[in-house]
Amino acid sequence: MGQKTHPYGFRLGFNKGWLSLWYAKGKNYINMFHTDIKLRNLIKKKYKHAGIASIEVKRISDTIRVQINTARPGIIIGKGGSGVQQIKKLLKECTGMTADKVLVDVIEIKYPEIVAQLIAEGIAYQIERRISFRRAMRKAVDSSIRAGALGIKIRVSGRLGGTEIARAEWYLVGKLPLQTLRADIDYGFIEAFTDYGQIGIKVWVFIGNKNKERFKKQVPEIAAAKAPPPAIKFPHEEGYETETGNETGTESEEGDYEHEFEGE
């Protein structure tokens, strides 16, 4: 039997983080879980061509913060921020929260060529437009390697080219250590809806090694108060030390200092 596992879930808590950050118990957990799924589906459906790679949901107290990671932030933000207001209105209707309790952040992805989900969506878009799947796969592989990926694998399966019998084809360039936990591997999946059926597209991208963040040992604070620093003495004060010996000074009537050196 195959021992395949999801590359993201396999590294969750090691060098990957959760896409939903909140805590709940009992029925509240179920409601929040389904609300997050509904939020993601609504935003993805509304901005299908905005190049959205992931949507992170964070809940702190009675506030919800939605972070949208996209390759085309201008489409989502809109003219004068009108798009963000529409998303806030959408989230308000979905969650039942007031507008001031809903926060939306739009983060731009600098290198979309090495984001697996965006690569998969690009291939699906081309297949739906009747472009050859092999040409779309080769183009995605070349652009990803040029952008700095150490390895990439693309697998498409279904009635490729409209054939009667479904099959699967894949390309692998570079290295792809799926069993190495410290390997930072991005994974994306999408389905292309064609006239002759659905075609599944899976993409794995190996970006590099990323070790688990180690927590530094906290140094205990010293309870005892430290001794105060020695007071700085100036030339007109007693006990002022110089390079040649002890110096004492007396002020004259004219306001100048008359110095007497000991040890000369």
C-alpha atoms as a PDB file:
ATOM      1  CA  MET A   1       0.000   0.000   0.000  1.00  0.00           C
ATOM      2  CA  GLY A   2       1.130   3.534  -0.681  1.00  0.00           C
ATOM      3  CA  GLN A   3       2.407   5.664   2.176  1.00  0.00           C
ATOM      4  CA  LYS A   4       1.690   9.077   0.688  1.00  0.00           C
ATOM      5  CA  THR A   5       0.848  11.984   2.979  1.00  0.00           C
ATOM      6  CA  HIS A   6       0.065  15.654   2.507  1.00  0.00           C
ATOM      7  CA  PRO A   7       3.347  17.634   2.312  1.00  0.00           C
ATOM      8  CA  TYR A   8       1.885  20.582   4.238  1.00  0.00           C
ATOM      9  CA  GLY A   9       0.218  18.592   7.016  1.00  0.00           C
ATOM     10  CA  PHE A  10       3.312  16.405   7.344  1.00  0.00           C
ATOM     11  CA  ARG A  11       5.407  19.489   8.243  1.00  0.00           C
ATOM     12  CA  LEU A  12       2.745  21.292  10.269  1.00  0.00           C
ATOM     13  CA  GLY A  13       4.291  22.590  13.479  1.00  0.00           C
ATOM     14  CA  PHE A  14       7.817  21.922  12.241  1.00  0.00           C
ATOM     15  CA  ASN A  15       8.460  24.520   9.548  1.00  0.00           C
ATOM     16  CA  LYS A  16       4.860  25.177   8.448  1.00  0.00           C
ATOM     17  CA  GLY A  17       2.259  27.214  10.306  1.00  0.00           C
ATOM     18  CA  TRP A  18      -1.500  26.892  10.710  1.00  0.00           C
ATOM     19  CA  LEU A  19      -3.749  28.762   8.276  1.00  0.00           C
ATOM     20  CA  SER A  20      -6.361  29.232  11.017  1.00  0.00           C
ATOM     21  CA  LEU A  21      -5.251  30.579  14.391  1.00  0.00           C
ATOM     22  CA  TRP A  22      -7.910  30.513  17.113  1.00  0.00           C
ATOM     23  CA  TYR A  23      -9.143  28.396  20.019  1.00  0.00           C
ATOM     24  CA  ALA A  24     -12.639  27.099  20.672  1.00  0.00           C
ATOM     25  CA  LYS A  25     -14.461  24.307  22.489  1.00  0.00           C
ATOM     26  CA  GLY A  26     -17.388  22.049  21.645  1.00  0.00           C
ATOM     27  CA  LYS A  27     -19.956  23.419  19.214  1.00  0.00           C
ATOM     28  CA  ASN A  28     -18.101  26.705  18.900  1.00  0.00           C
ATOM     29  CA  TYR A  29     -15.215  24.819  17.305  1.00  0.00           C
ATOM     30  CA  ILE A  30     -17.522  23.256  14.707  1.00  0.00           C
ATOM     31  CA  ASN A  31     -19.170  26.583  13.894  1.00  0.00           C
ATOM     32  CA  MET A  32     -15.852  28.438  13.552  1.00  0.00           C
ATOM     33  CA  PHE A  33     -14.358  25.632  11.471  1.00  0.00           C
ATOM     34  CA  HIS A  34     -17.190  25.697   8.942  1.00  0.00           C
ATOM     35  CA  THR A  35     -17.202  29.503   8.951  1.00  0.00           C
ATOM     36  CA  ASP A  36     -13.526  29.518   7.942  1.00  0.00           C
ATOM     37  CA  ILE A  37     -14.226  27.121   5.070  1.00  0.00           C
ATOM     38  CA  LYS A  38     -17.157  29.260   3.932  1.00  0.00           C
ATOM     39  CA  LEU A  39     -15.047  32.441   4.079  1.00  0.00           C
ATOM     40  CA  ARG A  40     -12.301  30.922   1.956  1.00  0.00           C
ATOM     41  CA  ASN A  41     -14.747  29.584  -0.637  1.00  0.00           C
ATOM     42  CA  LEU A  42     -16.559  32.924  -0.935  1.00  0.00           C
ATOM     43  CA  ILE A  43     -13.362  34.954  -1.378  1.00  0.00           C
ATOM     44  CA  LYS A  44     -11.893  32.439  -3.824  1.00  0.00           C
ATOM     45  CA  LYS A  45     -15.088  32.425  -5.883  1.00  0.00           C
ATOM     46  CA  LYS A  46     -15.412  36.209  -5.954  1.00  0.00           C
ATOM     47  CA  TYR A  47     -11.754  36.796  -6.891  1.00  0.00           C
ATOM     48  CA  LYS A  48     -11.057  33.723  -8.989  1.00  0.00           C
ATOM     49  CA  HIS A  49      -8.500  35.414 -11.266  1.00  0.00           C
ATOM     50  CA  ALA A  50      -6.711  37.412  -8.566  1.00  0.00           C
ATOM     51  CA  GLY A  51      -4.037  34.750  -7.994  1.00  0.00           C
ATOM     52  CA  ILE A  52      -4.912  33.973  -4.375  1.00  0.00           C
ATOM     53  CA  ALA A  53      -2.479  31.422  -2.958  1.00  0.00           C
ATOM     54  CA  SER A  54      -3.774  31.145   0.614  1.00  0.00           C
ATOM     55  CA  ILE A  55      -6.153  32.793   3.075  1.00  0.00           C
ATOM     56  CA  GLU A  56      -5.234  32.948   6.759  1.00  0.00           C
ATOM     57  CA  VAL A  57      -7.870  33.478   9.444  1.00  0.00           C
ATOM     58  CA  LYS A  58      -6.940  34.719  12.919  1.00  0.00           C
ATOM     59  CA  ARG A  59      -9.402  35.266  15.756  1.00  0.00           C
ATOM     60  CA  ILE A  60      -8.419  37.266  18.836  1.00  0.00           C
ATOM     61  CA  SER A  61     -11.177  37.784  21.393  1.00  0.00           C
ATOM     62  CA  ASP A  62     -14.178  39.098  19.402  1.00  0.00           C
ATOM     63  CA  THR A  63     -12.073  40.280  16.431  1.00  0.00           C
ATOM     64  CA  ILE A  64     -11.431  38.365  13.217  1.00  0.00           C
ATOM     65  CA  ARG A  65      -8.479  39.150  10.945  1.00  0.00           C
ATOM     66  CA  VAL A  66      -8.344  37.725   7.413  1.00  0.00           C
ATOM     67  CA  GLN A  67      -5.021  37.792   5.563  1.00  0.00           C
ATOM     68  CA  ILE A  68      -5.157  37.237   1.803  1.00  0.00           C
ATOM     69  CA  ASN A  69      -1.873  36.255   0.124  1.00  0.00           C
ATOM     70  CA  THR A  70      -2.187  37.105  -3.551  1.00  0.00           C
ATOM     71  CA  ALA A  71      -0.055  37.699  -6.627  1.00  0.00           C
ATOM     72  CA  ARG A  72      -2.355  40.509  -7.845  1.00  0.00           C
ATOM     73  CA  PRO A  73      -3.214  42.720  -4.865  1.00  0.00           C
ATOM     74  CA  GLY A  74      -4.558  45.518  -7.086  1.00  0.00           C
ATOM     75  CA  ILE A  75      -7.522  43.400  -8.196  1.00  0.00           C
ATOM     76  CA  ILE A  76      -8.560  42.730  -4.598  1.00  0.00           C
ATOM     77  CA  ILE A  77      -7.882  46.206  -3.160  1.00  0.00           C
ATOM     78  CA  GLY A  78      -9.675  47.958  -6.009  1.00  0.00           C
ATOM     79  CA  LYS A  79      -9.880  51.667  -6.692  1.00  0.00           C
ATOM     80  CA  GLY A  80      -9.461  53.620  -3.473  1.00  0.00           C
ATOM     81  CA  GLY A  81      -9.761  50.464  -1.376  1.00  0.00           C
ATOM     82  CA  SER A  82     -13.297  49.693  -2.521  1.00  0.00           C
ATOM     83  CA  GLY A  83     -12.483  45.998  -2.895  1.00  0.00           C
ATOM     84  CA  VAL A  84     -11.428  45.701   0.740  1.00  0.00           C
ATOM     85  CA  GLN A  85     -14.705  47.279   1.841  1.00  0.00           C
ATOM     86  CA  GLN A  86     -16.620  44.733  -0.233  1.00  0.00           C
ATOM     87  CA  ILE A  87     -14.687  41.892   1.412  1.00  0.00           C
ATOM     88  CA  LYS A  88     -15.430  43.370   4.849  1.00  0.00           C
ATOM     89  CA  LYS A  89     -19.118  43.523   3.985  1.00  0.00           C
ATOM     90  CA  LEU A  90     -18.977  39.906   2.795  1.00  0.00           C
ATOM     91  CA  LEU A  91     -17.261  38.779   5.999  1.00  0.00           C
ATOM     92  CA  LYS A  92     -19.715  40.769   8.091  1.00  0.00           C
ATOM     93  CA  GLU A  93     -22.659  38.941   6.517  1.00  0.00           C
ATOM     94  CA  CYS A  94     -20.936  35.569   6.890  1.00  0.00           C
ATOM     95  CA  THR A  95     -19.766  35.931  10.499  1.00  0.00           C
ATOM     96  CA  GLY A  96     -22.409  38.283  11.879  1.00  0.00           C
ATOM     97  CA  MET A  97     -19.753  40.614  13.343  1.00  0.00           C
ATOM     98  CA  THR A  98     -19.746  44.387  13.166  1.00  0.00           C
ATOM     99  CA  ALA A  99     -17.576  46.193  10.637  1.00  0.00           C
ATOM    100  CA  ASP A 100     -15.061  47.417  13.239  1.00  0.00           C
ATOM    101  CA  LYS A 101     -14.453  43.822  14.388  1.00  0.00           C
ATOM    102  CA  VAL A 102     -13.511  42.591  10.894  1.00  0.00           C
ATOM    103  CA  LEU A 103      -9.985  43.302   9.635  1.00  0.00           C
ATOM    104  CA  VAL A 104      -8.663  42.481   6.154  1.00  0.00           C
ATOM    105  CA  ASP A 105      -4.983  42.401   5.146  1.00  0.00           C
ATOM    106  CA  VAL A 106      -3.880  41.974   1.538  1.00  0.00           C
ATOM    107  CA  ILE A 107      -0.290  40.706   1.189  1.00  0.00           C
ATOM    108  CA  GLU A 108       1.503  40.633  -2.158  1.00  0.00           C
ATOM    109  CA  ILE A 109       3.414  37.504  -3.201  1.00  0.00           C
ATOM    110  CA  LYS A 110       6.744  38.595  -4.665  1.00  0.00           C
ATOM    111  CA  TYR A 111       7.593  35.349  -6.485  1.00  0.00           C
ATOM    112  CA  PRO A 112       4.399  33.646  -7.716  1.00  0.00           C
ATOM    113  CA  GLU A 113       6.459  31.361  -9.982  1.00  0.00           C
ATOM    114  CA  ILE A 114       7.477  29.217  -6.974  1.00  0.00           C
ATOM    115  CA  VAL A 115       4.060  29.079  -5.258  1.00  0.00           C
ATOM    116  CA  ALA A 116       2.571  25.641  -5.944  1.00  0.00           C
ATOM    117  CA  GLN A 117      -1.096  26.656  -5.782  1.00  0.00           C
ATOM    118  CA  LEU A 118      -0.627  29.478  -8.290  1.00  0.00           C
ATOM    119  CA  ILE A 119       1.316  27.201 -10.632  1.00  0.00           C
ATOM    120  CA  ALA A 120      -1.510  24.630 -10.515  1.00  0.00           C
ATOM    121  CA  GLU A 121      -4.149  27.293 -11.171  1.00  0.00           C
ATOM    122  CA  GLY A 122      -2.172  28.608 -14.132  1.00  0.00           C
ATOM    123  CA  ILE A 123      -1.964  25.139 -15.697  1.00  0.00           C
ATOM    124  CA  ALA A 124      -5.686  24.535 -15.094  1.00  0.00           C
ATOM    125  CA  TYR A 125      -6.569  27.847 -16.751  1.00  0.00           C
ATOM    126  CA  GLN A 126      -4.545  26.916 -19.839  1.00  0.00           C
ATOM    127  CA  ILE A 127      -6.036  23.416 -20.057  1.00  0.00           C
ATOM    128  CA  GLU A 128      -9.552  24.873 -19.883  1.00  0.00           C
ATOM    129  CA  ARG A 129      -8.583  27.134 -22.798  1.00  0.00           C
ATOM    130  CA  ARG A 130      -7.679  24.027 -24.862  1.00  0.00           C
ATOM    131  CA  ILE A 131      -3.913  24.601 -24.678  1.00  0.00           C
ATOM    132  CA  SER A 132      -1.800  21.434 -24.771  1.00  0.00           C
ATOM    133  CA  PHE A 133      -1.248  20.121 -21.239  1.00  0.00           C
ATOM    134  CA  ARG A 134       2.365  19.145 -22.018  1.00  0.00           C
ATOM    135  CA  ARG A 135       3.158  22.651 -23.221  1.00  0.00           C
ATOM    136  CA  ALA A 136       1.565  24.173 -20.101  1.00  0.00           C
ATOM    137  CA  MET A 137       3.509  21.805 -17.816  1.00  0.00           C
ATOM    138  CA  ARG A 138       6.878  22.445 -19.482  1.00  0.00           C
ATOM    139  CA  LYS A 139       6.345  26.206 -19.392  1.00  0.00           C
ATOM    140  CA  ALA A 140       5.496  26.095 -15.661  1.00  0.00           C
ATOM    141  CA  VAL A 141       8.535  23.930 -14.896  1.00  0.00           C
ATOM    142  CA  ASP A 142      10.935  26.225 -16.781  1.00  0.00           C
ATOM    143  CA  SER A 143       9.624  29.428 -15.174  1.00  0.00           C
ATOM    144  CA  SER A 144       9.750  27.883 -11.687  1.00  0.00           C
ATOM    145  CA  ILE A 145      13.355  26.693 -12.059  1.00  0.00           C
ATOM    146  CA  ARG A 146      14.395  30.096 -13.414  1.00  0.00           C
ATOM    147  CA  ALA A 147      12.748  31.778 -10.412  1.00  0.00           C
ATOM    148  CA  GLY A 148      14.974  29.835  -7.989  1.00  0.00           C
ATOM    149  CA  ALA A 149      13.156  26.600  -7.151  1.00  0.00           C
ATOM    150  CA  LEU A 150      15.485  23.671  -6.429  1.00  0.00           C
ATOM    151  CA  GLY A 151      12.968  21.120  -7.696  1.00  0.00           C
ATOM    152  CA  ILE A 152       9.436  20.839  -9.023  1.00  0.00           C
ATOM    153  CA  LYS A 153       7.039  18.029  -9.854  1.00  0.00           C
ATOM    154  CA  ILE A 154       3.779  18.442 -11.779  1.00  0.00           C
ATOM    155  CA  ARG A 155       1.266  15.619 -12.185  1.00  0.00           C
ATOM    156  CA  VAL A 156      -1.907  15.804 -14.270  1.00  0.00           C
ATOM    157  CA  SER A 157      -4.457  13.000 -14.477  1.00  0.00           C
ATOM    158  CA  GLY A 158      -7.743  12.488 -16.278  1.00  0.00           C
ATOM    159  CA  ARG A 159      -8.876  12.382 -19.898  1.00  0.00           C
ATOM    160  CA  LEU A 160      -5.791  14.198 -21.137  1.00  0.00           C
ATOM    161  CA  GLY A 161      -6.308  15.621 -24.601  1.00  0.00           C
ATOM    162  CA  GLY A 162      -9.872  14.281 -24.668  1.00  0.00           C
ATOM    163  CA  THR A 163      -8.856  10.630 -24.957  1.00  0.00           C
ATOM    164  CA  GLU A 164     -11.338   7.880 -24.068  1.00  0.00           C
ATOM    165  CA  ILE A 165      -9.133   6.283 -21.409  1.00  0.00           C
ATOM    166  CA  ALA A 166      -7.957   8.405 -18.480  1.00  0.00           C
ATOM    167  CA  ARG A 167      -4.268   8.399 -17.646  1.00  0.00           C
ATOM    168  CA  ALA A 168      -1.689  10.342 -15.656  1.00  0.00           C
ATOM    169  CA  GLU A 169       1.475  12.110 -16.767  1.00  0.00           C
ATOM    170  CA  TRP A 170       4.068  13.955 -14.716  1.00  0.00           C
ATOM    171  CA  TYR A 171       7.254  15.980 -14.999  1.00  0.00           C
ATOM    172  CA  LEU A 172      10.004  16.059 -12.372  1.00  0.00           C
ATOM    173  CA  VAL A 173      12.936  18.482 -12.592  1.00  0.00           C
ATOM    174  CA  GLY A 174      15.535  18.891  -9.849  1.00  0.00           C
ATOM    175  CA  LYS A 175      15.241  17.176  -6.485  1.00  0.00           C
ATOM    176  CA  LEU A 176      12.154  16.683  -4.326  1.00  0.00           C
ATOM    177  CA  PRO A 177      12.921  15.208  -0.854  1.00  0.00           C
ATOM    178  CA  LEU A 178       9.371  14.494   0.307  1.00  0.00           C
ATOM    179  CA  GLN A 179      10.469  12.514   3.385  1.00  0.00           C
ATOM    180  CA  THR A 180      12.861  15.186   4.685  1.00  0.00           C
ATOM    181  CA  LEU A 181      11.068  17.269   7.302  1.00  0.00           C
ATOM    182  CA  ARG A 182      13.386  20.259   7.067  1.00  0.00           C
ATOM    183  CA  ALA A 183      12.757  20.485   3.310  1.00  0.00           C
ATOM    184  CA  ASP A 184      10.471  23.434   2.578  1.00  0.00           C
ATOM    185  CA  ILE A 185       8.048  21.886   0.073  1.00  0.00           C
ATOM    186  CA  ASP A 186       4.994  23.748  -1.158  1.00  0.00           C
ATOM    187  CA  TYR A 187       1.998  21.786  -2.441  1.00  0.00           C
ATOM    188  CA  GLY A 188      -0.949  22.817  -4.588  1.00  0.00           C
ATOM    189  CA  PHE A 189      -3.962  21.055  -6.047  1.00  0.00           C
ATOM    190  CA  ILE A 190      -6.791  22.126  -8.341  1.00  0.00           C
ATOM    191  CA  GLU A 191      -9.192  20.632 -10.865  1.00  0.00           C
ATOM    192  CA  ALA A 192      -9.662  21.847 -14.420  1.00  0.00           C
ATOM    193  CA  PHE A 193     -13.240  21.552 -15.727  1.00  0.00           C
ATOM    194  CA  THR A 194     -13.187  20.702 -19.439  1.00  0.00           C
ATOM    195  CA  ASP A 195     -15.834  19.576 -21.934  1.00  0.00           C
ATOM    196  CA  TYR A 196     -14.577  15.999 -21.690  1.00  0.00           C
ATOM    197  CA  GLY A 197     -14.358  15.796 -17.891  1.00  0.00           C
ATOM    198  CA  GLN A 198     -12.334  16.951 -14.902  1.00  0.00           C
ATOM    199  CA  ILE A 199      -8.535  16.931 -14.921  1.00  0.00           C
ATOM    200  CA  GLY A 200      -6.706  16.951 -11.604  1.00  0.00           C
ATOM    201  CA  ILE A 201      -3.459  18.909 -11.271  1.00  0.00           C
ATOM    202  CA  LYS A 202      -0.975  18.438  -8.427  1.00  0.00           C
ATOM    203  CA  VAL A 203       2.178  20.518  -7.974  1.00  0.00           C
ATOM    204  CA  TRP A 204       5.101  20.053  -5.571  1.00  0.00           C
ATOM    205  CA  VAL A 205       7.799  22.755  -5.323  1.00  0.00           C
ATOM    206  CA  PHE A 206      11.033  22.324  -3.360  1.00  0.00           C
ATOM    207  CA  ILE A 207      12.243  25.776  -2.320  1.00  0.00           C
ATOM    208  CA  GLY A 208      15.087  24.867   0.065  1.00  0.00           C
ATOM    209  CA  ASN A 209      15.813  23.655   3.575  1.00  0.00           C
ATOM    210  CA  LYS A 210      14.095  25.365   6.470  1.00  0.00           C
ATOM    211  CA  ASN A 211      14.844  24.193   9.994  1.00  0.00           C
ATOM    212  CA  LYS A 212      12.437  24.304  12.874  1.00  0.00           C
ATOM    213  CA  GLU A 213      12.551  27.512  14.873  1.00  0.00           C
ATOM    214  CA  ARG A 214      14.193  26.779  18.202  1.00  0.00           C
ATOM    215  CA  PHE A 215      13.077  28.565  21.316  1.00  0.00           C
ATOM    216  CA  LYS A 216      15.887  30.339  23.108  1.00  0.00           C
ATOM    217  CA  LYS A 217      16.353  29.607  26.779  1.00  0.00           C
ATOM    218  CA  GLN A 218      15.137  32.528  28.830  1.00  0.00           C
ATOM    219  CA  VAL A 219      17.751  33.941  31.170  1.00  0.00           C
ATOM    220  CA  PRO A 220      16.284  34.375  34.698  1.00  0.00           C
ATOM    221  CA  GLU A 221      16.295  37.897  35.981  1.00  0.00           C
ATOM    222  CA  ILE A 222      18.671  38.606  38.865  1.00  0.00           C
ATOM    223  CA  ALA A 223      16.640  39.491  41.913  1.00  0.00           C
ATOM    224  CA  ALA A 224      19.455  41.236  43.730  1.00  0.00           C
ATOM    225  CA  ALA A 225      19.969  44.831  42.709  1.00  0.00           C
ATOM    226  CA  LYS A 226      23.281  45.605  41.114  1.00  0.00           C
ATOM    227  CA  ALA A 227      25.708  47.947  42.835  1.00  0.00           C
ATOM    228  CA  PRO A 228      25.395  51.533  41.610  1.00  0.00           C
ATOM    229  CA  PRO A 229      28.126  52.699  39.226  1.00  0.00           C
ATOM    230  CA  PRO A 230      30.970  54.756  40.728  1.00  0.00           C
ATOM    231  CA  ALA A 231      30.311  58.470  40.822  1.00  0.00           C
ATOM    232  CA  ILE A 232      32.220  60.618  38.329  1.00  0.00           C
ATOM    233  CA  LYS A 233      34.445  63.206  39.963  1.00  0.00           C
ATOM    234  CA  PHE A 234      35.363  66.487  38.333  1.00  0.00           C
ATOM    235  CA  PRO A 235      38.631  68.440  38.707  1.00  0.00           C
ATOM    236  CA  HIS A 236      37.217  70.870  41.283  1.00  0.00           C
ATOM    237  CA  GLU A 237      36.166  67.982  43.572  1.00  0.00           C
ATOM    238  CA  GLU A 238      38.425  66.253  46.083  1.00  0.00           C
ATOM    239  CA  GLY A 239      39.878  62.905  45.097  1.00  0.00           C
ATOM    240  CA  TYR A 240      40.028  63.595  41.361  1.00  0.00           C
ATOM    241  CA  GLU A 241      42.676  61.279  39.874  1.00  0.00           C
ATOM    242  CA  THR A 242      44.977  62.246  37.048  1.00  0.00           C
ATOM    243  CA  GLU A 243      47.663  60.404  35.137  1.00  0.00           C
ATOM    244  CA  THR A 244      50.478  61.958  37.288  1.00  0.00           C
ATOM    245  CA  GLY A 245      48.901  61.638  40.702  1.00  0.00           C
ATOM    246  CA  ASN A 246      46.177  63.051  42.948  1.00  0.00           C
ATOM    247  CA  GLU A 247      45.072  66.551  42.052  1.00  0.00           C
ATOM    248  CA  THR A 248      43.390  69.058  44.310  1.00  0.00           C
ATOM    249  CA  GLY A 249      42.323  72.492  43.137  1.00  0.00           C
ATOM    250  CA  THR A 250      41.285  75.761  44.757  1.00  0.00           C
ATOM    251  CA  GLU A 251      39.418  78.533  43.010  1.00  0.00           C
ATOM    252  CA  SER A 252      41.128  81.923  42.903  1.00  0.00           C
ATOM    253  CA  GLU A 253      39.466  85.321  43.156  1.00  0.00           C
ATOM    254  CA  GLU A 254      39.543  85.669  39.341  1.00  0.00           C
ATOM    255  CA  GLY A 255      37.543  82.463  38.912  1.00  0.00           C
ATOM    256  CA  ASP A 256      40.456  80.341  37.671  1.00  0.00           C
ATOM    257  CA  TYR A 257      41.655  77.116  39.224  1.00  0.00           C
ATOM    258  CA  GLU A 258      45.045  76.859  40.867  1.00  0.00           C
ATOM    259  CA  HIS A 259      46.230  73.256  40.759  1.00  0.00           C
ATOM    260  CA  GLU A 260      48.679  71.608  43.074  1.00  0.00           C
ATOM    261  CA  PHE A 261      50.020  68.199  42.097  1.00  0.00           C
ATOM    262  CA  GLU A 262      51.250  65.699  44.589  1.00  0.00           C
ATOM    263  CA  GLY A 263      54.011  63.325  43.625  1.00  0.00           C
ATOM    264  CA  GLU A 264      56.001  65.718  41.434  1.00  0.00           C
END
